[in-house]
Amino acid sequence: MIALLLVLGTFLYLTFIGQAVVSLLRPRLGVLWSWFIAPTVGLALIIVIITRLNVWGIPVRVAGPWLTLGLFVAAVGIFIWRRPKLPWRQLAPFFGIVCVYLLYVGWPAVRFGFNWISYGNDDMANYCLAAERFLNHGYYDLPLQTDLEGRNYTQHYWFMHGLQQIRPGSELAIAWVASLTGLKAHQTFMPTILMLSMLQIFALGAVSIFKGRYRKVTLVAFFLFATSPLFGLGTLYQLIAQVGGIALLLATASVLFATRHMTWRKLALGGLITGCLAIYYP
């Protein structure tokens, strides 16, 4: 149960800081829309900043908790200043569907907690090893020869990220959650991907609602998406880059498809999400 509470906690945190960004920029695309896109905006903000900090040589274990605290304090200040509306009655059915989805797909976490690894496929192993490297090292920290000879297998992923510049977003997301909990990357993998799948459902809502005009259509879209066996399988099969990446893609579309009045506020918000998309799932 603690693992599922971690999923909800990280989701609500990202929603909080994401709503602060939306309230600060005020793109004026609807109140419900702002809450649907908020968690993905929060993820984008975290990933963009933590990538830069890690490139500067700061391990995520050090940067993650301080960044989380700093963004929370900033978000509280923005909430006090902007006072965004919380239409909790309108949001309740959507949030309820997502919570049912979380129990429907993530029920093994109730039984196994942080020891649940689902399929445990080779992709998960690669993501977790690379996340451990980001957790304990800077992005471009050169590995020691002795580490490459079998003492620290995580350092082999320097060639993937530091040399080949392969997308690091999923690994950084896992490392961020691990930095907050003190757990190993493989223990936070499933809570992280479950949280990202919730972001994807909400991002679909941001595309569907379009200035609040299609609330019933959005409710149906939420239900169909959340109960789709293939969508649940994508989460259980640990396709973490796709789960988080498509959430970012949907969020980007919901901002940039509104082309009639493309203000700097919308462009700034779209730029933040697109920048994260380039890191996470280009």
C-alpha atoms as a PDB file:
ATOM      1  CA  MET A   1       0.000   0.000   0.000  1.00  0.00           C
ATOM      2  CA  ILE A   2       2.894   2.382   0.705  1.00  0.00           C
ATOM      3  CA  ALA A   3       4.035   1.958  -2.902  1.00  0.00           C
ATOM      4  CA  LEU A   4       0.631   3.114  -4.184  1.00  0.00           C
ATOM      5  CA  LEU A   5       0.686   6.040  -1.763  1.00  0.00           C
ATOM      6  CA  LEU A   6       4.039   7.006  -3.285  1.00  0.00           C
ATOM      7  CA  VAL A   7       2.399   6.938  -6.723  1.00  0.00           C
ATOM      8  CA  LEU A   8      -0.412   9.213  -5.551  1.00  0.00           C
ATOM      9  CA  GLY A   9       1.996  11.455  -3.666  1.00  0.00           C
ATOM     10  CA  THR A  10       4.289  12.067  -6.633  1.00  0.00           C
ATOM     11  CA  PHE A  11       1.282  12.541  -8.931  1.00  0.00           C
ATOM     12  CA  LEU A  12      -0.272  15.150  -6.635  1.00  0.00           C
ATOM     13  CA  TYR A  13       3.072  16.897  -6.175  1.00  0.00           C
ATOM     14  CA  LEU A  14       3.600  17.179  -9.934  1.00  0.00           C
ATOM     15  CA  THR A  15       0.022  18.423 -10.289  1.00  0.00           C
ATOM     16  CA  PHE A  16       0.668  21.093  -7.663  1.00  0.00           C
ATOM     17  CA  ILE A  17       3.856  22.511  -9.174  1.00  0.00           C
ATOM     18  CA  GLY A  18       2.482  22.122 -12.712  1.00  0.00           C
ATOM     19  CA  GLN A  19      -0.626  24.089 -11.817  1.00  0.00           C
ATOM     20  CA  ALA A  20       1.639  26.777 -10.383  1.00  0.00           C
ATOM     21  CA  VAL A  21       3.412  27.065 -13.751  1.00  0.00           C
ATOM     22  CA  VAL A  22       0.107  27.196 -15.643  1.00  0.00           C
ATOM     23  CA  SER A  23      -1.275  29.799 -13.211  1.00  0.00           C
ATOM     24  CA  LEU A  24       1.871  31.886 -13.603  1.00  0.00           C
ATOM     25  CA  LEU A  25       1.739  31.857 -17.412  1.00  0.00           C
ATOM     26  CA  ARG A  26      -2.073  31.948 -17.755  1.00  0.00           C
ATOM     27  CA  PRO A  27      -2.445  30.533 -21.285  1.00  0.00           C
ATOM     28  CA  ARG A  28      -6.264  30.855 -20.909  1.00  0.00           C
ATOM     29  CA  LEU A  29      -7.305  27.479 -22.280  1.00  0.00           C
ATOM     30  CA  GLY A  30      -9.815  26.610 -19.574  1.00  0.00           C
ATOM     31  CA  VAL A  31      -9.883  25.778 -15.863  1.00  0.00           C
ATOM     32  CA  LEU A  32     -10.388  22.021 -16.228  1.00  0.00           C
ATOM     33  CA  TRP A  33      -7.796  21.942 -18.992  1.00  0.00           C
ATOM     34  CA  SER A  34      -5.270  23.547 -16.655  1.00  0.00           C
ATOM     35  CA  TRP A  35      -5.729  20.785 -14.073  1.00  0.00           C
ATOM     36  CA  PHE A  36      -5.569  18.055 -16.709  1.00  0.00           C
ATOM     37  CA  ILE A  37      -2.270  19.307 -18.106  1.00  0.00           C
ATOM     38  CA  ALA A  38      -0.792  20.309 -14.737  1.00  0.00           C
ATOM     39  CA  PRO A  39       0.856  16.983 -13.741  1.00  0.00           C
ATOM     40  CA  THR A  40       2.619  16.674 -17.099  1.00  0.00           C
ATOM     41  CA  VAL A  41       3.803  20.281 -16.859  1.00  0.00           C
ATOM     42  CA  GLY A  42       5.148  19.449 -13.405  1.00  0.00           C
ATOM     43  CA  LEU A  43       7.061  16.495 -14.826  1.00  0.00           C
ATOM     44  CA  ALA A  44       8.448  18.680 -17.617  1.00  0.00           C
ATOM     45  CA  LEU A  45       9.682  21.258 -15.125  1.00  0.00           C
ATOM     46  CA  ILE A  46      11.369  18.625 -12.941  1.00  0.00           C
ATOM     47  CA  ILE A  47      13.059  16.831 -15.846  1.00  0.00           C
ATOM     48  CA  VAL A  48      14.309  19.985 -17.583  1.00  0.00           C
ATOM     49  CA  ILE A  49      15.855  21.397 -14.396  1.00  0.00           C
ATOM     50  CA  ILE A  50      17.250  18.139 -13.031  1.00  0.00           C
ATOM     51  CA  THR A  51      18.837  17.361 -16.403  1.00  0.00           C
ATOM     52  CA  ARG A  52      20.688  20.670 -16.321  1.00  0.00           C
ATOM     53  CA  LEU A  53      21.788  20.137 -12.710  1.00  0.00           C
ATOM     54  CA  ASN A  54      23.055  16.655 -13.532  1.00  0.00           C
ATOM     55  CA  VAL A  55      24.909  17.966 -16.593  1.00  0.00           C
ATOM     56  CA  TRP A  56      26.603  20.433 -14.243  1.00  0.00           C
ATOM     57  CA  GLY A  57      27.902  17.423 -12.324  1.00  0.00           C
ATOM     58  CA  ILE A  58      25.428  17.306  -9.424  1.00  0.00           C
ATOM     59  CA  PRO A  59      24.165  13.759  -8.689  1.00  0.00           C
ATOM     60  CA  VAL A  60      20.377  13.398  -8.562  1.00  0.00           C
ATOM     61  CA  ARG A  61      20.672  12.043  -5.009  1.00  0.00           C
ATOM     62  CA  VAL A  62      21.835  15.539  -3.990  1.00  0.00           C
ATOM     63  CA  ALA A  63      19.839  17.676  -6.430  1.00  0.00           C
ATOM     64  CA  GLY A  64      16.511  15.813  -6.267  1.00  0.00           C
ATOM     65  CA  PRO A  65      15.351  16.550  -2.691  1.00  0.00           C
ATOM     66  CA  TRP A  66      16.508  20.190  -2.746  1.00  0.00           C
ATOM     67  CA  LEU A  67      14.899  20.810  -6.133  1.00  0.00           C
ATOM     68  CA  THR A  68      11.665  19.207  -4.937  1.00  0.00           C
ATOM     69  CA  LEU A  69      11.595  21.399  -1.843  1.00  0.00           C
ATOM     70  CA  GLY A  70      12.506  24.558  -3.742  1.00  0.00           C
ATOM     71  CA  LEU A  71       9.813  24.060  -6.378  1.00  0.00           C
ATOM     72  CA  PHE A  72       7.237  23.313  -3.676  1.00  0.00           C
ATOM     73  CA  VAL A  73       8.005  26.569  -1.862  1.00  0.00           C
ATOM     74  CA  ALA A  74       7.878  28.512  -5.139  1.00  0.00           C
ATOM     75  CA  ALA A  75       4.569  26.853  -6.055  1.00  0.00           C
ATOM     76  CA  VAL A  76       3.063  27.787  -2.677  1.00  0.00           C
ATOM     77  CA  GLY A  77       4.016  31.406  -3.320  1.00  0.00           C
ATOM     78  CA  ILE A  78       2.449  31.346  -6.788  1.00  0.00           C
ATOM     79  CA  PHE A  79      -0.751  29.774  -5.418  1.00  0.00           C
ATOM     80  CA  ILE A  80      -1.019  32.526  -2.805  1.00  0.00           C
ATOM     81  CA  TRP A  81      -0.447  35.154  -5.500  1.00  0.00           C
ATOM     82  CA  ARG A  82      -2.542  33.790  -8.367  1.00  0.00           C
ATOM     83  CA  ARG A  83      -5.183  31.835  -6.381  1.00  0.00           C
ATOM     84  CA  PRO A  84      -6.058  29.312  -9.130  1.00  0.00           C
ATOM     85  CA  LYS A  85      -9.549  27.861  -9.088  1.00  0.00           C
ATOM     86  CA  LEU A  86      -9.973  24.232  -8.006  1.00  0.00           C
ATOM     87  CA  PRO A  87     -13.203  22.870  -9.555  1.00  0.00           C
ATOM     88  CA  TRP A  88     -13.150  19.800  -7.320  1.00  0.00           C
ATOM     89  CA  ARG A  89     -16.708  18.724  -8.149  1.00  0.00           C
ATOM     90  CA  GLN A  90     -15.963  18.704 -11.878  1.00  0.00           C
ATOM     91  CA  LEU A  91     -12.593  17.016 -11.323  1.00  0.00           C
ATOM     92  CA  ALA A  92     -13.908  14.352  -8.938  1.00  0.00           C
ATOM     93  CA  PRO A  93     -15.217  11.847 -11.552  1.00  0.00           C
ATOM     94  CA  PHE A  94     -12.015  12.110 -13.582  1.00  0.00           C
ATOM     95  CA  PHE A  95      -9.791  11.646 -10.559  1.00  0.00           C
ATOM     96  CA  GLY A  96     -12.002   8.756  -9.433  1.00  0.00           C
ATOM     97  CA  ILE A  97     -11.501   6.958 -12.754  1.00  0.00           C
ATOM     98  CA  VAL A  98      -7.733   7.378 -12.467  1.00  0.00           C
ATOM     99  CA  CYS A  99      -7.750   6.017  -8.902  1.00  0.00           C
ATOM    100  CA  VAL A 100      -9.746   2.971 -10.035  1.00  0.00           C
ATOM    101  CA  TYR A 101      -7.202   2.495 -12.834  1.00  0.00           C
ATOM    102  CA  LEU A 102      -4.382   2.667 -10.298  1.00  0.00           C
ATOM    103  CA  LEU A 103      -5.934  -0.140  -8.246  1.00  0.00           C
ATOM    104  CA  TYR A 104      -6.899  -2.114 -11.354  1.00  0.00           C
ATOM    105  CA  VAL A 105      -3.384  -2.108 -12.811  1.00  0.00           C
ATOM    106  CA  GLY A 106      -1.253  -1.570  -9.725  1.00  0.00           C
ATOM    107  CA  TRP A 107      -2.887  -4.017  -7.306  1.00  0.00           C
ATOM    108  CA  PRO A 108       0.279  -6.195  -7.088  1.00  0.00           C
ATOM    109  CA  ALA A 109       1.950  -3.232  -5.367  1.00  0.00           C
ATOM    110  CA  VAL A 110      -0.499  -3.702  -2.491  1.00  0.00           C
ATOM    111  CA  ARG A 111       0.765  -7.257  -2.012  1.00  0.00           C
ATOM    112  CA  PHE A 112       4.444  -6.925  -2.883  1.00  0.00           C
ATOM    113  CA  GLY A 113       5.115  -3.241  -2.200  1.00  0.00           C
ATOM    114  CA  PHE A 114       8.423  -1.998  -3.556  1.00  0.00           C
ATOM    115  CA  ASN A 115       9.492  -5.569  -4.336  1.00  0.00           C
ATOM    116  CA  TRP A 116       7.051  -5.774  -7.262  1.00  0.00           C
ATOM    117  CA  ILE A 117       8.979  -5.762 -10.544  1.00  0.00           C
ATOM    118  CA  SER A 118       6.184  -6.958 -12.901  1.00  0.00           C
ATOM    119  CA  TYR A 119       7.748  -8.578 -15.998  1.00  0.00           C
ATOM    120  CA  GLY A 120      11.265  -7.542 -15.021  1.00  0.00           C
ATOM    121  CA  ASN A 121      12.293  -7.303 -18.676  1.00  0.00           C
ATOM    122  CA  ASP A 122      15.681  -6.252 -20.007  1.00  0.00           C
ATOM    123  CA  ASP A 123      14.501  -2.684 -20.642  1.00  0.00           C
ATOM    124  CA  MET A 124      13.714  -2.294 -16.956  1.00  0.00           C
ATOM    125  CA  ALA A 125      17.189  -3.531 -16.051  1.00  0.00           C
ATOM    126  CA  ASN A 126      18.795  -1.004 -18.398  1.00  0.00           C
ATOM    127  CA  TYR A 127      16.679   1.892 -17.133  1.00  0.00           C
ATOM    128  CA  CYS A 128      17.359   1.034 -13.497  1.00  0.00           C
ATOM    129  CA  LEU A 129      21.113   0.675 -13.953  1.00  0.00           C
ATOM    130  CA  ALA A 130      21.309   3.982 -15.815  1.00  0.00           C
ATOM    131  CA  ALA A 131      19.113   5.631 -13.155  1.00  0.00           C
ATOM    132  CA  GLU A 132      21.530   4.437 -10.462  1.00  0.00           C
ATOM    133  CA  ARG A 133      24.346   6.135 -12.363  1.00  0.00           C
ATOM    134  CA  PHE A 134      22.463   9.451 -12.502  1.00  0.00           C
ATOM    135  CA  LEU A 135      21.574   9.033  -8.843  1.00  0.00           C
ATOM    136  CA  ASN A 136      25.203   8.847  -7.759  1.00  0.00           C
ATOM    137  CA  HIS A 137      27.159  10.632 -10.501  1.00  0.00           C
ATOM    138  CA  GLY A 138      27.080  13.681 -12.737  1.00  0.00           C
ATOM    139  CA  TYR A 139      25.954  13.293 -16.336  1.00  0.00           C
ATOM    140  CA  TYR A 140      29.439  13.459 -17.853  1.00  0.00           C
ATOM    141  CA  ASP A 141      31.452  12.007 -14.958  1.00  0.00           C
ATOM    142  CA  LEU A 142      34.062   9.745 -16.530  1.00  0.00           C
ATOM    143  CA  PRO A 143      33.969   6.132 -15.307  1.00  0.00           C
ATOM    144  CA  LEU A 144      37.065   4.596 -13.785  1.00  0.00           C
ATOM    145  CA  GLN A 145      38.720   1.712 -15.578  1.00  0.00           C
ATOM    146  CA  THR A 146      38.264  -0.455 -12.482  1.00  0.00           C
ATOM    147  CA  ASP A 147      34.509   0.266 -12.503  1.00  0.00           C
ATOM    148  CA  LEU A 148      34.253  -0.853 -16.122  1.00  0.00           C
ATOM    149  CA  GLU A 149      36.050  -4.095 -15.267  1.00  0.00           C
ATOM    150  CA  GLY A 150      33.112  -5.325 -13.206  1.00  0.00           C
ATOM    151  CA  ARG A 151      33.030  -3.286 -10.008  1.00  0.00           C
ATOM    152  CA  ASN A 152      30.234  -0.921 -11.054  1.00  0.00           C
ATOM    153  CA  TYR A 153      28.088  -1.925 -14.011  1.00  0.00           C
ATOM    154  CA  THR A 154      26.082   1.305 -13.859  1.00  0.00           C
ATOM    155  CA  GLN A 155      29.098   3.185 -15.192  1.00  0.00           C
ATOM    156  CA  HIS A 156      28.817   1.404 -18.541  1.00  0.00           C
ATOM    157  CA  TYR A 157      25.828   3.685 -19.252  1.00  0.00           C
ATOM    158  CA  TRP A 158      28.213   6.633 -19.564  1.00  0.00           C
ATOM    159  CA  PHE A 159      28.738   5.417 -23.135  1.00  0.00           C
ATOM    160  CA  MET A 160      24.983   5.515 -23.782  1.00  0.00           C
ATOM    161  CA  HIS A 161      24.242   8.943 -22.323  1.00  0.00           C
ATOM    162  CA  GLY A 162      27.512  10.830 -21.988  1.00  0.00           C
ATOM    163  CA  LEU A 163      28.952   9.691 -25.313  1.00  0.00           C
ATOM    164  CA  GLN A 164      26.018   8.740 -27.566  1.00  0.00           C
ATOM    165  CA  GLN A 165      23.488  11.237 -26.107  1.00  0.00           C
ATOM    166  CA  ILE A 166      20.651   8.710 -25.910  1.00  0.00           C
ATOM    167  CA  ARG A 167      17.444  10.091 -24.321  1.00  0.00           C
ATOM    168  CA  PRO A 168      17.883  10.168 -20.504  1.00  0.00           C
ATOM    169  CA  GLY A 169      14.418  11.313 -19.393  1.00  0.00           C
ATOM    170  CA  SER A 170      13.032   8.039 -18.048  1.00  0.00           C
ATOM    171  CA  GLU A 171      16.188   7.284 -16.100  1.00  0.00           C
ATOM    172  CA  LEU A 172      16.181  10.771 -14.580  1.00  0.00           C
ATOM    173  CA  ALA A 173      12.525  10.379 -13.557  1.00  0.00           C
ATOM    174  CA  ILE A 174      13.322   7.093 -11.808  1.00  0.00           C
ATOM    175  CA  ALA A 175      16.392   8.634 -10.173  1.00  0.00           C
ATOM    176  CA  TRP A 176      14.335  11.612  -8.966  1.00  0.00           C
ATOM    177  CA  VAL A 177      11.785   9.367  -7.228  1.00  0.00           C
ATOM    178  CA  ALA A 178      14.607   7.255  -5.779  1.00  0.00           C
ATOM    179  CA  SER A 179      16.312  10.387  -4.425  1.00  0.00           C
ATOM    180  CA  LEU A 180      13.156  11.289  -2.488  1.00  0.00           C
ATOM    181  CA  THR A 181      12.645   7.853  -0.971  1.00  0.00           C
ATOM    182  CA  GLY A 182      16.155   6.528  -0.403  1.00  0.00           C
ATOM    183  CA  LEU A 183      15.195   3.365  -2.288  1.00  0.00           C
ATOM    184  CA  LYS A 184      17.072   1.632  -5.081  1.00  0.00           C
ATOM    185  CA  ALA A 185      16.069   2.370  -8.669  1.00  0.00           C
ATOM    186  CA  HIS A 186      14.502  -1.070  -9.221  1.00  0.00           C
ATOM    187  CA  GLN A 187      12.252  -0.501  -6.196  1.00  0.00           C
ATOM    188  CA  THR A 188      10.942   2.805  -7.523  1.00  0.00           C
ATOM    189  CA  PHE A 189      10.548   1.733 -11.153  1.00  0.00           C
ATOM    190  CA  MET A 190       6.964   0.440 -10.938  1.00  0.00           C
ATOM    191  CA  PRO A 191       5.677   3.336  -8.783  1.00  0.00           C
ATOM    192  CA  THR A 192       7.267   5.735 -11.272  1.00  0.00           C
ATOM    193  CA  ILE A 193       5.735   4.148 -14.368  1.00  0.00           C
ATOM    194  CA  LEU A 194       2.326   3.925 -12.672  1.00  0.00           C
ATOM    195  CA  MET A 195       2.538   7.634 -11.906  1.00  0.00           C
ATOM    196  CA  LEU A 196       3.527   8.366 -15.515  1.00  0.00           C
ATOM    197  CA  SER A 197       0.553   6.367 -16.806  1.00  0.00           C
ATOM    198  CA  MET A 198      -1.743   8.536 -14.678  1.00  0.00           C
ATOM    199  CA  LEU A 199      -0.121  11.573 -16.287  1.00  0.00           C
ATOM    200  CA  GLN A 200      -0.890  10.129 -19.704  1.00  0.00           C
ATOM    201  CA  ILE A 201      -4.582   9.724 -18.892  1.00  0.00           C
ATOM    202  CA  PHE A 202      -4.799  13.306 -17.640  1.00  0.00           C
ATOM    203  CA  ALA A 203      -2.891  14.571 -20.685  1.00  0.00           C
ATOM    204  CA  LEU A 204      -5.467  12.850 -22.896  1.00  0.00           C
ATOM    205  CA  GLY A 205      -8.084  14.821 -20.993  1.00  0.00           C
ATOM    206  CA  ALA A 206      -6.251  18.052 -21.823  1.00  0.00           C
ATOM    207  CA  VAL A 207      -6.523  17.206 -25.530  1.00  0.00           C
ATOM    208  CA  SER A 208     -10.162  16.096 -25.294  1.00  0.00           C
ATOM    209  CA  ILE A 209     -11.720  18.884 -23.261  1.00  0.00           C
ATOM    210  CA  PHE A 210     -10.778  21.863 -25.503  1.00  0.00           C
ATOM    211  CA  LYS A 211     -11.645  24.953 -23.428  1.00  0.00           C
ATOM    212  CA  GLY A 212     -14.173  23.023 -21.357  1.00  0.00           C
ATOM    213  CA  ARG A 213     -16.565  22.388 -24.239  1.00  0.00           C
ATOM    214  CA  TYR A 214     -16.448  18.583 -24.334  1.00  0.00           C
ATOM    215  CA  ARG A 215     -16.624  17.453 -20.714  1.00  0.00           C
ATOM    216  CA  LYS A 216     -18.767  14.382 -21.419  1.00  0.00           C
ATOM    217  CA  VAL A 217     -16.536  13.331 -24.306  1.00  0.00           C
ATOM    218  CA  THR A 218     -13.530  13.721 -22.027  1.00  0.00           C
ATOM    219  CA  LEU A 219     -15.156  11.599 -19.333  1.00  0.00           C
ATOM    220  CA  VAL A 220     -15.764   8.820 -21.871  1.00  0.00           C
ATOM    221  CA  ALA A 221     -12.180   9.157 -23.120  1.00  0.00           C
ATOM    222  CA  PHE A 222     -10.882   8.846 -19.548  1.00  0.00           C
ATOM    223  CA  PHE A 223     -12.943   5.718 -18.955  1.00  0.00           C
ATOM    224  CA  LEU A 224     -12.009   4.009 -22.228  1.00  0.00           C
ATOM    225  CA  PHE A 225      -8.328   4.826 -21.842  1.00  0.00           C
ATOM    226  CA  ALA A 226      -8.133   3.805 -18.189  1.00  0.00           C
ATOM    227  CA  THR A 227      -9.894   0.478 -18.801  1.00  0.00           C
ATOM    228  CA  SER A 228      -8.037  -0.378 -22.010  1.00  0.00           C
ATOM    229  CA  PRO A 229      -6.223  -3.713 -21.546  1.00  0.00           C
ATOM    230  CA  LEU A 230      -3.488  -2.683 -23.988  1.00  0.00           C
ATOM    231  CA  PHE A 231      -2.878   0.573 -22.137  1.00  0.00           C
ATOM    232  CA  GLY A 232      -2.581  -1.316 -18.870  1.00  0.00           C
ATOM    233  CA  LEU A 233      -0.271  -3.832 -20.524  1.00  0.00           C
ATOM    234  CA  GLY A 234       2.021  -1.042 -21.716  1.00  0.00           C
ATOM    235  CA  THR A 235       2.461  -0.035 -18.080  1.00  0.00           C
ATOM    236  CA  LEU A 236       2.910  -3.578 -16.778  1.00  0.00           C
ATOM    237  CA  TYR A 237       5.290  -4.407 -19.632  1.00  0.00           C
ATOM    238  CA  GLN A 238       7.443  -1.500 -18.440  1.00  0.00           C
ATOM    239  CA  LEU A 239       7.475   0.656 -21.580  1.00  0.00           C
ATOM    240  CA  ILE A 240       8.414   3.650 -19.452  1.00  0.00           C
ATOM    241  CA  ALA A 241       9.785   5.876 -22.227  1.00  0.00           C
ATOM    242  CA  GLN A 242       6.573   5.460 -24.212  1.00  0.00           C
ATOM    243  CA  VAL A 243       4.274   5.927 -21.211  1.00  0.00           C
ATOM    244  CA  GLY A 244       5.900   9.180 -20.121  1.00  0.00           C
ATOM    245  CA  GLY A 245       6.758  10.314 -23.635  1.00  0.00           C
ATOM    246  CA  ILE A 246       3.217  10.033 -24.969  1.00  0.00           C
ATOM    247  CA  ALA A 247       1.944  11.980 -21.949  1.00  0.00           C
ATOM    248  CA  LEU A 248       4.326  14.785 -22.928  1.00  0.00           C
ATOM    249  CA  LEU A 249       3.298  14.501 -26.587  1.00  0.00           C
ATOM    250  CA  LEU A 250      -0.400  14.798 -25.714  1.00  0.00           C
ATOM    251  CA  ALA A 251       0.274  17.765 -23.450  1.00  0.00           C
ATOM    252  CA  THR A 252       2.286  19.487 -26.179  1.00  0.00           C
ATOM    253  CA  ALA A 253      -0.531  18.912 -28.667  1.00  0.00           C
ATOM    254  CA  SER A 254      -3.143  20.345 -26.303  1.00  0.00           C
ATOM    255  CA  VAL A 255      -1.165  23.608 -26.116  1.00  0.00           C
ATOM    256  CA  LEU A 256       0.187  24.051 -29.624  1.00  0.00           C
ATOM    257  CA  PHE A 257      -2.906  22.904 -31.547  1.00  0.00           C
ATOM    258  CA  ALA A 258      -4.760  26.004 -30.301  1.00  0.00           C
ATOM    259  CA  THR A 259      -3.263  28.114 -33.081  1.00  0.00           C
ATOM    260  CA  ARG A 260      -5.849  30.911 -33.426  1.00  0.00           C
ATOM    261  CA  HIS A 261      -4.449  32.969 -30.555  1.00  0.00           C
ATOM    262  CA  MET A 262      -0.866  31.764 -30.109  1.00  0.00           C
ATOM    263  CA  THR A 263       0.411  34.158 -27.441  1.00  0.00           C
ATOM    264  CA  TRP A 264       3.830  34.164 -25.811  1.00  0.00           C
ATOM    265  CA  ARG A 265       2.226  32.542 -22.756  1.00  0.00           C
ATOM    266  CA  LYS A 266       1.147  29.506 -24.764  1.00  0.00           C
ATOM    267  CA  LEU A 267       4.486  29.405 -26.546  1.00  0.00           C
ATOM    268  CA  ALA A 268       6.370  29.476 -23.235  1.00  0.00           C
ATOM    269  CA  LEU A 269       4.280  26.626 -21.852  1.00  0.00           C
ATOM    270  CA  GLY A 270       4.563  24.658 -25.081  1.00  0.00           C
ATOM    271  CA  GLY A 271       8.303  25.291 -25.145  1.00  0.00           C
ATOM    272  CA  LEU A 272       8.740  23.872 -21.638  1.00  0.00           C
ATOM    273  CA  ILE A 273       6.863  20.685 -22.482  1.00  0.00           C
ATOM    274  CA  THR A 274       8.520  20.328 -25.888  1.00  0.00           C
ATOM    275  CA  GLY A 275      11.928  20.773 -24.289  1.00  0.00           C
ATOM    276  CA  CYS A 276      11.167  17.956 -21.888  1.00  0.00           C
ATOM    277  CA  LEU A 277       9.856  15.851 -24.768  1.00  0.00           C
ATOM    278  CA  ALA A 278      13.229  16.248 -26.492  1.00  0.00           C
ATOM    279  CA  ILE A 279      14.940  14.923 -23.361  1.00  0.00           C
ATOM    280  CA  TYR A 280      12.418  12.199 -22.649  1.00  0.00           C
ATOM    281  CA  TYR A 281      11.108  10.799 -25.928  1.00  0.00           C
ATOM    282  CA  PRO A 282      12.401  12.638 -29.037  1.00  0.00           C
END
